[in-house]
């Protein structure tokens, strides 16, 4: 299946929408999209990765999310995962990264920082 990665920057926040299979074909685009959202001095304080349209995440894409999460936190920002279905959260649990991320049911909840989404 094809994939799509689209950044929607805004004041203080950047939403990165992922759809389809985020596998080896998508990881370079994912990495460059996340890097470019943090590249300048006006980098957003909050990056939300919308996973609601994702069918599959491979280990490299999860690694890219983890690396980006660490860089964003080091600069005083936050990375939140939105639209995470239970099976996606379970994948993060299985590899021991669930506690490192904030999971939200949708982009609005992630933006507001309300209660976590499905787990």
PDB file of N, CA and C in Angstrom:
ATOM      1  N   UNK A   1       0.838  -1.182   0.000  1.00  0.00           N
ATOM      2  CA  UNK A   1       0.000   0.000   0.000  1.00  0.00           C
ATOM      3  C   UNK A   1       0.880   1.241   0.000  1.00  0.00           C
ATOM      4  N   UNK A   2       0.404   2.280  -0.593  1.00  0.00           N
ATOM      5  CA  UNK A   2       1.107   3.550  -0.639  1.00  0.00           C
ATOM      6  C   UNK A   2       1.066   4.229   0.731  1.00  0.00           C
ATOM      7  N   UNK A   3       1.859   5.263   0.858  1.00  0.00           N
ATOM      8  CA  UNK A   3       1.881   6.011   2.105  1.00  0.00           C
ATOM      9  C   UNK A   3       1.838   7.499   1.789  1.00  0.00           C
ATOM     10  N   UNK A   4       1.530   8.276   2.814  1.00  0.00           N
ATOM     11  CA  UNK A   4       1.526   9.723   2.696  1.00  0.00           C
ATOM     12  C   UNK A   4       2.059  10.287   4.008  1.00  0.00           C
ATOM     13  N   UNK A   5       2.914  11.291   3.897  1.00  0.00           N
ATOM     14  CA  UNK A   5       3.441  11.995   5.062  1.00  0.00           C
ATOM     15  C   UNK A   5       3.318  13.480   4.754  1.00  0.00           C
ATOM     16  N   UNK A   6       2.545  14.181   5.590  1.00  0.00           N
ATOM     17  CA  UNK A   6       2.271  15.586   5.314  1.00  0.00           C
ATOM     18  C   UNK A   6       2.398  16.391   6.599  1.00  0.00           C
ATOM     19  N   UNK A   7       3.229  17.439   6.550  1.00  0.00           N
ATOM     20  CA  UNK A   7       3.407  18.323   7.702  1.00  0.00           C
ATOM     21  C   UNK A   7       2.480  19.521   7.568  1.00  0.00           C
ATOM     22  N   UNK A   8       1.854  19.877   8.680  1.00  0.00           N
ATOM     23  CA  UNK A   8       0.967  21.035   8.743  1.00  0.00           C
ATOM     24  C   UNK A   8       1.474  21.946   9.862  1.00  0.00           C
ATOM     25  N   UNK A   9       2.459  22.797   9.548  1.00  0.00           N
ATOM     26  CA  UNK A   9       3.005  23.665  10.582  1.00  0.00           C
ATOM     27  C   UNK A   9       2.030  24.781  10.952  1.00  0.00           C
ATOM     28  N   UNK A  10       2.089  25.172  12.199  1.00  0.00           N
ATOM     29  CA  UNK A  10       1.283  26.277  12.689  1.00  0.00           C
ATOM     30  C   UNK A  10       2.022  26.952  13.823  1.00  0.00           C
ATOM     31  N   UNK A  11       1.464  28.010  14.371  1.00  0.00           N
ATOM     32  CA  UNK A  11       2.143  28.715  15.462  1.00  0.00           C
ATOM     33  C   UNK A  11       2.336  27.813  16.689  1.00  0.00           C
ATOM     34  N   UNK A  12       3.584  27.489  16.983  1.00  0.00           N
ATOM     35  CA  UNK A  12       3.902  26.703  18.168  1.00  0.00           C
ATOM     36  C   UNK A  12       3.632  25.221  18.061  1.00  0.00           C
ATOM     37  N   UNK A  13       2.994  24.784  16.984  1.00  0.00           N
ATOM     38  CA  UNK A  13       2.664  23.369  16.842  1.00  0.00           C
ATOM     39  C   UNK A  13       2.806  22.945  15.385  1.00  0.00           C
ATOM     40  N   UNK A  14       3.258  21.727  15.183  1.00  0.00           N
ATOM     41  CA  UNK A  14       3.316  21.146  13.842  1.00  0.00           C
ATOM     42  C   UNK A  14       2.648  19.774  13.914  1.00  0.00           C
ATOM     43  N   UNK A  15       1.646  19.576  13.064  1.00  0.00           N
ATOM     44  CA  UNK A  15       0.984  18.278  12.982  1.00  0.00           C
ATOM     45  C   UNK A  15       1.540  17.557  11.764  1.00  0.00           C
ATOM     46  N   UNK A  16       2.023  16.353  11.983  1.00  0.00           N
ATOM     47  CA  UNK A  16       2.530  15.531  10.881  1.00  0.00           C
ATOM     48  C   UNK A  16       1.585  14.356  10.738  1.00  0.00           C
ATOM     49  N   UNK A  17       0.918  14.325   9.604  1.00  0.00           N
ATOM     50  CA  UNK A  17      -0.098  13.302   9.336  1.00  0.00           C
ATOM     51  C   UNK A  17       0.514  12.174   8.514  1.00  0.00           C
ATOM     52  N   UNK A  18       0.419  10.965   9.054  1.00  0.00           N
ATOM     53  CA  UNK A  18       0.922   9.777   8.370  1.00  0.00           C
ATOM     54  C   UNK A  18      -0.262   8.912   7.958  1.00  0.00           C
ATOM     55  N   UNK A  19      -0.203   8.367   6.754  1.00  0.00           N
ATOM     56  CA  UNK A  19      -1.225   7.418   6.320  1.00  0.00           C
ATOM     57  C   UNK A  19      -0.567   6.269   5.566  1.00  0.00           C
ATOM     58  N   UNK A  20      -1.227   5.132   5.587  1.00  0.00           N
ATOM     59  CA  UNK A  20      -0.754   3.963   4.854  1.00  0.00           C
ATOM     60  C   UNK A  20       0.254   3.155   5.635  1.00  0.00           C
ATOM     61  N   UNK A  21       1.132   2.482   4.909  1.00  0.00           N
ATOM     62  CA  UNK A  21       2.163   1.637   5.500  1.00  0.00           C
ATOM     63  C   UNK A  21       3.446   2.440   5.644  1.00  0.00           C
ATOM     64  N   UNK A  22       3.863   2.673   6.870  1.00  0.00           N
ATOM     65  CA  UNK A  22       5.092   3.416   7.124  1.00  0.00           C
ATOM     66  C   UNK A  22       6.195   2.380   7.330  1.00  0.00           C
ATOM     67  N   UNK A  23       6.804   2.021   6.202  1.00  0.00           N
ATOM     68  CA  UNK A  23       7.823   0.971   6.171  1.00  0.00           C
ATOM     69  C   UNK A  23       9.082   1.512   5.520  1.00  0.00           C
ATOM     70  N   UNK A  24       9.933   0.648   5.027  1.00  0.00           N
ATOM     71  CA  UNK A  24      11.214   1.055   4.454  1.00  0.00           C
ATOM     72  C   UNK A  24      11.065   2.104   3.353  1.00  0.00           C
ATOM     73  N   UNK A  25      10.001   2.033   2.589  1.00  0.00           N
ATOM     74  CA  UNK A  25       9.789   3.001   1.518  1.00  0.00           C
ATOM     75  C   UNK A  25       9.489   4.393   2.050  1.00  0.00           C
ATOM     76  N   UNK A  26       8.987   4.481   3.269  1.00  0.00           N
ATOM     77  CA  UNK A  26       8.547   5.761   3.833  1.00  0.00           C
ATOM     78  C   UNK A  26       9.512   6.367   4.836  1.00  0.00           C
ATOM     79  N   UNK A  27      10.469   5.605   5.325  1.00  0.00           N
ATOM     80  CA  UNK A  27      11.254   6.078   6.463  1.00  0.00           C
ATOM     81  C   UNK A  27      12.118   7.298   6.147  1.00  0.00           C
ATOM     82  N   UNK A  28      12.688   7.383   4.953  1.00  0.00           N
ATOM     83  CA  UNK A  28      13.491   8.562   4.615  1.00  0.00           C
ATOM     84  C   UNK A  28      12.624   9.817   4.613  1.00  0.00           C
ATOM     85  N   UNK A  29      11.427   9.706   4.065  1.00  0.00           N
ATOM     86  CA  UNK A  29      10.508  10.844   4.049  1.00  0.00           C
ATOM     87  C   UNK A  29      10.083  11.215   5.465  1.00  0.00           C
ATOM     88  N   UNK A  30       9.794  10.211   6.288  1.00  0.00           N
ATOM     89  CA  UNK A  30       9.426  10.470   7.680  1.00  0.00           C
ATOM     90  C   UNK A  30      10.554  11.189   8.402  1.00  0.00           C
ATOM     91  N   UNK A  31      11.758  10.690   8.248  1.00  0.00           N
ATOM     92  CA  UNK A  31      12.906  11.285   8.924  1.00  0.00           C
ATOM     93  C   UNK A  31      13.131  12.727   8.482  1.00  0.00           C
ATOM     94  N   UNK A  32      13.072  12.987   7.184  1.00  0.00           N
ATOM     95  CA  UNK A  32      13.314  14.349   6.693  1.00  0.00           C
ATOM     96  C   UNK A  32      12.179  15.296   7.085  1.00  0.00           C
ATOM     97  N   UNK A  33      10.949  14.802   7.119  1.00  0.00           N
ATOM     98  CA  UNK A  33       9.818  15.641   7.525  1.00  0.00           C
ATOM     99  C   UNK A  33       9.948  16.045   8.990  1.00  0.00           C
ATOM    100  N   UNK A  34      10.273  15.085   9.840  1.00  0.00           N
ATOM    101  CA  UNK A  34      10.472  15.399  11.258  1.00  0.00           C
ATOM    102  C   UNK A  34      11.660  16.338  11.446  1.00  0.00           C
ATOM    103  N   UNK A  35      12.750  16.091  10.753  1.00  0.00           N
ATOM    104  CA  UNK A  35      13.941  16.938  10.875  1.00  0.00           C
ATOM    105  C   UNK A  35      13.659  18.357  10.413  1.00  0.00           C
ATOM    106  N   UNK A  36      12.940  18.509   9.308  1.00  0.00           N
ATOM    107  CA  UNK A  36      12.667  19.855   8.806  1.00  0.00           C
ATOM    108  C   UNK A  36      11.714  20.617   9.722  1.00  0.00           C
ATOM    109  N   UNK A  37      10.864  19.902  10.452  1.00  0.00           N
ATOM    110  CA  UNK A  37       9.963  20.590  11.380  1.00  0.00           C
ATOM    111  C   UNK A  37      10.724  21.158  12.572  1.00  0.00           C
ATOM    112  N   UNK A  38      11.957  20.686  12.786  1.00  0.00           N
ATOM    113  CA  UNK A  38      12.771  21.132  13.914  1.00  0.00           C
ATOM    114  C   UNK A  38      13.995  21.924  13.480  1.00  0.00           C
ATOM    115  N   UNK A  39      14.103  22.226  12.192  1.00  0.00           N
ATOM    116  CA  UNK A  39      15.349  22.733  11.643  1.00  0.00           C
ATOM    117  C   UNK A  39      15.665  24.185  11.965  1.00  0.00           C
ATOM    118  N   UNK A  40      14.686  25.010  12.200  1.00  0.00           N
ATOM    119  CA  UNK A  40      15.012  26.414  12.399  1.00  0.00           C
ATOM    120  C   UNK A  40      14.732  26.858  13.829  1.00  0.00           C
ATOM    121  N   UNK A  41      15.116  28.083  14.101  1.00  0.00           N
ATOM    122  CA  UNK A  41      14.979  28.588  15.464  1.00  0.00           C
ATOM    123  C   UNK A  41      13.539  28.795  15.897  1.00  0.00           C
ATOM    124  N   UNK A  42      12.615  28.823  14.945  1.00  0.00           N
ATOM    125  CA  UNK A  42      11.202  28.960  15.294  1.00  0.00           C
ATOM    126  C   UNK A  42      10.508  27.598  15.330  1.00  0.00           C
ATOM    127  N   UNK A  43      11.285  26.563  15.622  1.00  0.00           N
ATOM    128  CA  UNK A  43      10.736  25.209  15.682  1.00  0.00           C
ATOM    129  C   UNK A  43       9.565  25.161  16.668  1.00  0.00           C
ATOM    130  N   UNK A  44       8.556  24.386  16.356  1.00  0.00           N
ATOM    131  CA  UNK A  44       7.386  24.326  17.234  1.00  0.00           C
ATOM    132  C   UNK A  44       7.718  23.696  18.582  1.00  0.00           C
ATOM    133  N   UNK A  45       7.024  24.133  19.602  1.00  0.00           N
ATOM    134  CA  UNK A  45       7.183  23.552  20.925  1.00  0.00           C
ATOM    135  C   UNK A  45       6.451  22.223  21.037  1.00  0.00           C
ATOM    136  N   UNK A  46       5.513  21.990  20.144  1.00  0.00           N
ATOM    137  CA  UNK A  46       4.730  20.757  20.160  1.00  0.00           C
ATOM    138  C   UNK A  46       4.671  20.171  18.759  1.00  0.00           C
ATOM    139  N   UNK A  47       5.068  18.923  18.639  1.00  0.00           N
ATOM    140  CA  UNK A  47       4.940  18.185  17.383  1.00  0.00           C
ATOM    141  C   UNK A  47       3.972  17.041  17.649  1.00  0.00           C
ATOM    142  N   UNK A  48       2.911  17.003  16.848  1.00  0.00           N
ATOM    143  CA  UNK A  48       1.910  15.939  16.966  1.00  0.00           C
ATOM    144  C   UNK A  48       2.023  15.066  15.729  1.00  0.00           C
ATOM    145  N   UNK A  49       2.242  13.789  15.925  1.00  0.00           N
ATOM    146  CA  UNK A  49       2.278  12.838  14.816  1.00  0.00           C
ATOM    147  C   UNK A  49       0.943  12.107  14.820  1.00  0.00           C
ATOM    148  N   UNK A  50       0.156  12.354  13.769  1.00  0.00           N
ATOM    149  CA  UNK A  50      -1.176  11.764  13.644  1.00  0.00           C
ATOM    150  C   UNK A  50      -1.056  10.402  12.966  1.00  0.00           C
ATOM    151  N   UNK A  51      -1.315   9.350  13.741  1.00  0.00           N
ATOM    152  CA  UNK A  51      -1.194   7.977  13.250  1.00  0.00           C
ATOM    153  C   UNK A  51      -2.551   7.354  12.908  1.00  0.00           C
ATOM    154  N   UNK A  52      -3.605   8.158  12.893  1.00  0.00           N
ATOM    155  CA  UNK A  52      -4.953   7.598  12.704  1.00  0.00           C
ATOM    156  C   UNK A  52      -5.121   6.883  11.367  1.00  0.00           C
ATOM    157  N   UNK A  53      -4.347   7.247  10.360  1.00  0.00           N
ATOM    158  CA  UNK A  53      -4.468   6.606   9.059  1.00  0.00           C
ATOM    159  C   UNK A  53      -3.391   5.586   8.764  1.00  0.00           C
ATOM    160  N   UNK A  54      -2.624   5.216   9.793  1.00  0.00           N
ATOM    161  CA  UNK A  54      -1.509   4.286   9.597  1.00  0.00           C
ATOM    162  C   UNK A  54      -1.985   2.847   9.718  1.00  0.00           C
ATOM    163  N   UNK A  55      -1.590   2.032   8.750  1.00  0.00           N
ATOM    164  CA  UNK A  55      -1.887   0.600   8.781  1.00  0.00           C
ATOM    165  C   UNK A  55      -0.763  -0.206   9.405  1.00  0.00           C
ATOM    166  N   UNK A  56       0.477   0.299   9.261  1.00  0.00           N
ATOM    167  CA  UNK A  56       1.649  -0.466   9.674  1.00  0.00           C
ATOM    168  C   UNK A  56       2.793   0.489   9.960  1.00  0.00           C
ATOM    169  N   UNK A  57       3.552   0.213  11.019  1.00  0.00           N
ATOM    170  CA  UNK A  57       4.793   0.924  11.334  1.00  0.00           C
ATOM    171  C   UNK A  57       5.901  -0.114  11.447  1.00  0.00           C
ATOM    172  N   UNK A  58       7.002   0.073  10.721  1.00  0.00           N
ATOM    173  CA  UNK A  58       8.104  -0.872  10.881  1.00  0.00           C
ATOM    174  C   UNK A  58       9.046  -0.391  11.984  1.00  0.00           C
ATOM    175  N   UNK A  59      10.024  -1.207  12.317  1.00  0.00           N
ATOM    176  CA  UNK A  59      10.910  -0.894  13.441  1.00  0.00           C
ATOM    177  C   UNK A  59      11.738   0.360  13.182  1.00  0.00           C
ATOM    178  N   UNK A  60      12.144   0.583  11.954  1.00  0.00           N
ATOM    179  CA  UNK A  60      12.934   1.792  11.666  1.00  0.00           C
ATOM    180  C   UNK A  60      12.086   3.045  11.850  1.00  0.00           C
ATOM    181  N   UNK A  61      10.826   3.013  11.439  1.00  0.00           N
ATOM    182  CA  UNK A  61       9.977   4.196  11.608  1.00  0.00           C
ATOM    183  C   UNK A  61       9.742   4.484  13.086  1.00  0.00           C
ATOM    184  N   UNK A  62       9.610   3.450  13.887  1.00  0.00           N
ATOM    185  CA  UNK A  62       9.467   3.644  15.332  1.00  0.00           C
ATOM    186  C   UNK A  62      10.763   4.219  15.903  1.00  0.00           C
ATOM    187  N   UNK A  63      11.889   3.760  15.412  1.00  0.00           N
ATOM    188  CA  UNK A  63      13.173   4.310  15.840  1.00  0.00           C
ATOM    189  C   UNK A  63      13.315   5.779  15.490  1.00  0.00           C
ATOM    190  N   UNK A  64      12.851   6.148  14.313  1.00  0.00           N
ATOM    191  CA  UNK A  64      12.885   7.554  13.899  1.00  0.00           C
ATOM    192  C   UNK A  64      12.002   8.397  14.813  1.00  0.00           C
ATOM    193  N   UNK A  65      10.820   7.881  15.150  1.00  0.00           N
ATOM    194  CA  UNK A  65       9.947   8.596  16.090  1.00  0.00           C
ATOM    195  C   UNK A  65      10.629   8.752  17.450  1.00  0.00           C
ATOM    196  N   UNK A  66      11.289   7.702  17.913  1.00  0.00           N
ATOM    197  CA  UNK A  66      11.970   7.757  19.214  1.00  0.00           C
ATOM    198  C   UNK A  66      13.128   8.753  19.191  1.00  0.00           C
ATOM    199  N   UNK A  67      13.922   8.752  18.130  1.00  0.00           N
ATOM    200  CA  UNK A  67      15.032   9.702  18.014  1.00  0.00           C
ATOM    201  C   UNK A  67      14.517  11.139  17.957  1.00  0.00           C
ATOM    202  N   UNK A  68      13.478  11.360  17.180  1.00  0.00           N
ATOM    203  CA  UNK A  68      12.893  12.699  17.064  1.00  0.00           C
ATOM    204  C   UNK A  68      12.318  13.146  18.398  1.00  0.00           C
ATOM    205  N   UNK A  69      11.680  12.213  19.091  1.00  0.00           N
ATOM    206  CA  UNK A  69      11.121  12.512  20.406  1.00  0.00           C
ATOM    207  C   UNK A  69      12.231  12.997  21.353  1.00  0.00           C
ATOM    208  N   UNK A  70      13.366  12.322  21.341  1.00  0.00           N
ATOM    209  CA  UNK A  70      14.486  12.697  22.201  1.00  0.00           C
ATOM    210  C   UNK A  70      15.026  14.081  21.828  1.00  0.00           C
ATOM    211  N   UNK A  71      15.161  14.368  20.530  1.00  0.00           N
ATOM    212  CA  UNK A  71      15.662  15.679  20.089  1.00  0.00           C
ATOM    213  C   UNK A  71      14.691  16.794  20.465  1.00  0.00           C
ATOM    214  N   UNK A  72      13.397  16.535  20.302  1.00  0.00           N
ATOM    215  CA  UNK A  72      12.394  17.548  20.629  1.00  0.00           C
ATOM    216  C   UNK A  72      12.400  17.835  22.130  1.00  0.00           C
ATOM    217  N   UNK A  73      12.465  16.785  22.927  1.00  0.00           N
ATOM    218  CA  UNK A  73      12.508  16.967  24.387  1.00  0.00           C
ATOM    219  C   UNK A  73      13.764  17.717  24.818  1.00  0.00           C
ATOM    220  N   UNK A  74      14.893  17.421  24.179  1.00  0.00           N
ATOM    221  CA  UNK A  74      16.149  18.096  24.517  1.00  0.00           C
ATOM    222  C   UNK A  74      16.071  19.593  24.235  1.00  0.00           C
ATOM    223  N   UNK A  75      15.241  19.985  23.277  1.00  0.00           N
ATOM    224  CA  UNK A  75      15.094  21.405  22.948  1.00  0.00           C
ATOM    225  C   UNK A  75      13.941  22.050  23.726  1.00  0.00           C
ATOM    226  N   UNK A  76      13.352  21.307  24.667  1.00  0.00           N
ATOM    227  CA  UNK A  76      12.284  21.856  25.498  1.00  0.00           C
ATOM    228  C   UNK A  76      10.888  21.670  24.944  1.00  0.00           C
ATOM    229  N   UNK A  77      10.763  20.924  23.855  1.00  0.00           N
ATOM    230  CA  UNK A  77       9.455  20.693  23.250  1.00  0.00           C
ATOM    231  C   UNK A  77       8.878  19.341  23.617  1.00  0.00           C
ATOM    232  N   UNK A  78       7.768  19.024  22.975  1.00  0.00           N
ATOM    233  CA  UNK A  78       7.090  17.736  23.220  1.00  0.00           C
ATOM    234  C   UNK A  78       6.682  17.129  21.883  1.00  0.00           C
ATOM    235  N   UNK A  79       6.704  15.806  21.841  1.00  0.00           N
ATOM    236  CA  UNK A  79       6.173  15.062  20.704  1.00  0.00           C
ATOM    237  C   UNK A  79       5.065  14.175  21.252  1.00  0.00           C
ATOM    238  N   UNK A  80       3.893  14.269  20.642  1.00  0.00           N
ATOM    239  CA  UNK A  80       2.754  13.453  21.054  1.00  0.00           C
ATOM    240  C   UNK A  80       2.260  12.655  19.861  1.00  0.00           C
ATOM    241  N   UNK A  81       1.809  11.437  20.129  1.00  0.00           N
ATOM    242  CA  UNK A  81       1.255  10.573  19.094  1.00  0.00           C
ATOM    243  C   UNK A  81      -0.262  10.599  19.212  1.00  0.00           C
ATOM    244  N   UNK A  82      -0.919  10.908  18.109  1.00  0.00           N
ATOM    245  CA  UNK A  82      -2.379  11.030  18.098  1.00  0.00           C
ATOM    246  C   UNK A  82      -2.993   9.980  17.185  1.00  0.00           C
ATOM    247  N   UNK A  83      -4.251   9.650  17.473  1.00  0.00           N
ATOM    248  CA  UNK A  83      -4.973   8.705  16.634  1.00  0.00           C
ATOM    249  C   UNK A  83      -4.436   7.297  16.734  1.00  0.00           C
ATOM    250  N   UNK A  84      -3.860   6.992  17.870  1.00  0.00           N
ATOM    251  CA  UNK A  84      -3.237   5.682  18.045  1.00  0.00           C
ATOM    252  C   UNK A  84      -4.277   4.637  18.412  1.00  0.00           C
ATOM    253  N   UNK A  85      -4.410   3.675  17.545  1.00  0.00           N
ATOM    254  CA  UNK A  85      -5.307   2.553  17.816  1.00  0.00           C
ATOM    255  C   UNK A  85      -4.645   1.622  18.831  1.00  0.00           C
ATOM    256  N   UNK A  86      -5.436   0.829  19.530  1.00  0.00           N
ATOM    257  CA  UNK A  86      -4.870  -0.066  20.556  1.00  0.00           C
ATOM    258  C   UNK A  86      -3.759  -0.975  20.032  1.00  0.00           C
ATOM    259  N   UNK A  87      -3.878  -1.458  18.810  1.00  0.00           N
ATOM    260  CA  UNK A  87      -2.841  -2.351  18.286  1.00  0.00           C
ATOM    261  C   UNK A  87      -1.520  -1.613  18.062  1.00  0.00           C
ATOM    262  N   UNK A  88      -1.585  -0.306  17.781  1.00  0.00           N
ATOM    263  CA  UNK A  88      -0.359   0.483  17.624  1.00  0.00           C
ATOM    264  C   UNK A  88       0.282   0.712  18.992  1.00  0.00           C
ATOM    265  N   UNK A  89      -0.535   1.063  19.980  1.00  0.00           N
ATOM    266  CA  UNK A  89      -0.015   1.233  21.333  1.00  0.00           C
ATOM    267  C   UNK A  89       0.614  -0.081  21.809  1.00  0.00           C
ATOM    268  N   UNK A  90      -0.028  -1.192  21.510  1.00  0.00           N
ATOM    269  CA  UNK A  90       0.489  -2.512  21.896  1.00  0.00           C
ATOM    270  C   UNK A  90       1.865  -2.764  21.284  1.00  0.00           C
ATOM    271  N   UNK A  91       2.068  -2.335  20.050  1.00  0.00           N
ATOM    272  CA  UNK A  91       3.367  -2.475  19.393  1.00  0.00           C
ATOM    273  C   UNK A  91       4.437  -1.713  20.177  1.00  0.00           C
ATOM    274  N   UNK A  92       4.128  -0.488  20.590  1.00  0.00           N
ATOM    275  CA  UNK A  92       5.067   0.292  21.390  1.00  0.00           C
ATOM    276  C   UNK A  92       5.324  -0.377  22.736  1.00  0.00           C
ATOM    277  N   UNK A  93       4.291  -0.987  23.314  1.00  0.00           N
ATOM    278  CA  UNK A  93       4.453  -1.714  24.579  1.00  0.00           C
ATOM    279  C   UNK A  93       5.381  -2.906  24.404  1.00  0.00           C
ATOM    280  N   UNK A  94       5.200  -3.643  23.319  1.00  0.00           N
ATOM    281  CA  UNK A  94       5.994  -4.853  23.086  1.00  0.00           C
ATOM    282  C   UNK A  94       7.482  -4.546  22.942  1.00  0.00           C
ATOM    283  N   UNK A  95       7.813  -3.381  22.396  1.00  0.00           N
ATOM    284  CA  UNK A  95       9.234  -3.057  22.225  1.00  0.00           C
ATOM    285  C   UNK A  95       9.769  -2.175  23.354  1.00  0.00           C
ATOM    286  N   UNK A  96       8.939  -1.936  24.358  1.00  0.00           N
ATOM    287  CA  UNK A  96       9.391  -1.227  25.546  1.00  0.00           C
ATOM    288  C   UNK A  96       9.439   0.284  25.421  1.00  0.00           C
ATOM    289  N   UNK A  97       8.695   0.865  24.472  1.00  0.00           N
ATOM    290  CA  UNK A  97       8.718   2.316  24.288  1.00  0.00           C
ATOM    291  C   UNK A  97       7.414   3.006  24.669  1.00  0.00           C
ATOM    292  N   UNK A  98       6.451   2.279  25.162  1.00  0.00           N
ATOM    293  CA  UNK A  98       5.147   2.884  25.456  1.00  0.00           C
ATOM    294  C   UNK A  98       5.256   3.983  26.505  1.00  0.00           C
ATOM    295  N   UNK A  99       6.102   3.803  27.496  1.00  0.00           N
ATOM    296  CA  UNK A  99       6.227   4.810  28.550  1.00  0.00           C
ATOM    297  C   UNK A  99       6.961   6.063  28.086  1.00  0.00           C
ATOM    298  N   UNK A 100       7.663   5.977  26.972  1.00  0.00           N
ATOM    299  CA  UNK A 100       8.421   7.124  26.471  1.00  0.00           C
ATOM    300  C   UNK A 100       7.541   8.118  25.716  1.00  0.00           C
ATOM    301  N   UNK A 101       6.381   7.690  25.256  1.00  0.00           N
ATOM    302  CA  UNK A 101       5.520   8.526  24.419  1.00  0.00           C
ATOM    303  C   UNK A 101       4.214   8.871  25.121  1.00  0.00           C
ATOM    304  N   UNK A 102       3.604   9.959  24.655  1.00  0.00           N
ATOM    305  CA  UNK A 102       2.260  10.328  25.069  1.00  0.00           C
ATOM    306  C   UNK A 102       1.322   9.949  23.923  1.00  0.00           C
ATOM    307  N   UNK A 103       0.300   9.156  24.217  1.00  0.00           N
ATOM    308  CA  UNK A 103      -0.654   8.685  23.214  1.00  0.00           C
ATOM    309  C   UNK A 103      -2.001   9.378  23.430  1.00  0.00           C
ATOM    310  N   UNK A 104      -2.600   9.847  22.345  1.00  0.00           N
ATOM    311  CA  UNK A 104      -3.894  10.538  22.402  1.00  0.00           C
ATOM    312  C   UNK A 104      -4.823   9.977  21.341  1.00  0.00           C
ATOM    313  N   UNK A 105      -6.116  10.047  21.618  1.00  0.00           N
ATOM    314  CA  UNK A 105      -7.111   9.504  20.704  1.00  0.00           C
ATOM    315  C   UNK A 105      -7.206  10.241  19.387  1.00  0.00           C
ATOM    316  N   UNK A 106      -6.951  11.560  19.409  1.00  0.00           N
ATOM    317  CA  UNK A 106      -7.012  12.340  18.168  1.00  0.00           C
ATOM    318  C   UNK A 106      -6.123  13.573  18.294  1.00  0.00           C
ATOM    319  N   UNK A 107      -5.997  14.311  17.203  1.00  0.00           N
ATOM    320  CA  UNK A 107      -5.121  15.473  17.157  1.00  0.00           C
ATOM    321  C   UNK A 107      -5.582  16.549  18.131  1.00  0.00           C
ATOM    322  N   UNK A 108      -6.885  16.781  18.223  1.00  0.00           N
ATOM    323  CA  UNK A 108      -7.382  17.810  19.143  1.00  0.00           C
ATOM    324  C   UNK A 108      -7.013  17.495  20.588  1.00  0.00           C
ATOM    325  N   UNK A 109      -7.157  16.253  20.991  1.00  0.00           N
ATOM    326  CA  UNK A 109      -6.787  15.858  22.358  1.00  0.00           C
ATOM    327  C   UNK A 109      -5.288  16.029  22.576  1.00  0.00           C
ATOM    328  N   UNK A 110      -4.490  15.685  21.581  1.00  0.00           N
ATOM    329  CA  UNK A 110      -3.040  15.838  21.694  1.00  0.00           C
ATOM    330  C   UNK A 110      -2.668  17.312  21.776  1.00  0.00           C
ATOM    331  N   UNK A 111      -3.342  18.140  21.015  1.00  0.00           N
ATOM    332  CA  UNK A 111      -3.067  19.582  21.036  1.00  0.00           C
ATOM    333  C   UNK A 111      -3.407  20.170  22.408  1.00  0.00           C
ATOM    334  N   UNK A 112      -4.545  19.722  22.966  1.00  0.00           N
ATOM    335  CA  UNK A 112      -5.003  20.231  24.262  1.00  0.00           C
ATOM    336  C   UNK A 112      -4.257  19.606  25.429  1.00  0.00           C
ATOM    337  N   UNK A 113      -3.625  18.449  25.206  1.00  0.00           N
ATOM    338  CA  UNK A 113      -2.927  17.761  26.284  1.00  0.00           C
ATOM    339  C   UNK A 113      -3.866  17.097  27.270  1.00  0.00           C
ATOM    340  N   UNK A 114      -5.086  16.825  26.794  1.00  0.00           N
ATOM    341  CA  UNK A 114      -6.070  16.168  27.656  1.00  0.00           C
ATOM    342  C   UNK A 114      -5.641  14.749  27.983  1.00  0.00           C
ATOM    343  N   UNK A 115      -6.535  13.997  28.540  1.00  0.00           N
ATOM    344  CA  UNK A 115      -6.239  12.620  28.928  1.00  0.00           C
ATOM    345  C   UNK A 115      -5.779  11.791  27.756  1.00  0.00           C
ATOM    346  N   UNK A 116      -4.906  10.842  28.010  1.00  0.00           N
ATOM    347  CA  UNK A 116      -4.404   9.968  26.945  1.00  0.00           C
ATOM    348  C   UNK A 116      -5.531   9.209  26.264  1.00  0.00           C
ATOM    349  N   UNK A 117      -5.233   8.802  25.045  1.00  0.00           N
ATOM    350  CA  UNK A 117      -6.204   8.066  24.252  1.00  0.00           C
ATOM    351  C   UNK A 117      -6.180   6.596  24.557  1.00  0.00           C
ATOM    352  N   UNK A 118      -6.548   5.776  23.577  1.00  0.00           N
ATOM    353  CA  UNK A 118      -6.649   4.338  23.804  1.00  0.00           C
ATOM    354  C   UNK A 118      -5.319   3.721  24.182  1.00  0.00           C
ATOM    355  N   UNK A 119      -5.402   2.724  25.039  1.00  0.00           N
ATOM    356  CA  UNK A 119      -4.180   2.000  25.379  1.00  0.00           C
ATOM    357  C   UNK A 119      -4.421   0.535  25.484  1.00  0.00           C
TER     358      UNK A 119
END
